[in-house]
Amino acid sequence: MDHGIIQQHADVLSVQGLGIDVLQVLLVDYGLSCERVAAGNAISGSFWGDSEAGLVGDRLVLRDDTPVHSALHEACHYICMTPDRRAGLHTDAGGDYDEESAVCYLQILLADRLTGVGRERLMADMDAWGYSFRLGSTKAWFEGDAGDARGWLLREGIIDAEGSPSGQLRC
């Protein structure tokens, strides 16, 4: 997957459209807090800049125009990283290709726990934003080429045998 081309699309669900409180309820068990910054202000800890979510320690930094897929992606980086990286986290989540695939997979699973989002909406938003997968779409990757990502999440205890998020951070 390639995140090098970031395009903003008005039809992509934003934090304002979902509600920051909804994200906070989902992420609190992972030890993440959601912090809102005012419109027009820079998002601290944002790797990509513009409206993309930021990570600073255990804070997910968002604006109302931050896409929900970006918020979930950065939250999943936090969940999937090692404790030593989590302890020094500011802006760059790091990780390798396998972890990045796991992050993408997990954000789709977590979307199912957000009323009004779900995996279908999130995958469409990821495609509209410019995520790029070998099979041509997020859905095709998730359904037909993401076994390695699912296996990684299972080995790390982040999902259970049924493929549901366990609520646990990577140890």
Foldseek 3Di string as FASTA:
>chain_A
DDPPAFDDDPPFAFCLNQPQVLVQVLLVLAVAHEAEDEPPDWFWQAQVTDQAWHDDQRYIYGYRRHGLLRSQLVSLLLQEADPVLSRHDGNDSDDDPLSSLLSLLVSQLSQCVRPPDHNVNSQVSCVVGPDQDPVGGSVCCNPPPSPSSQVSCPVQQQADPVSHGPSHGRD
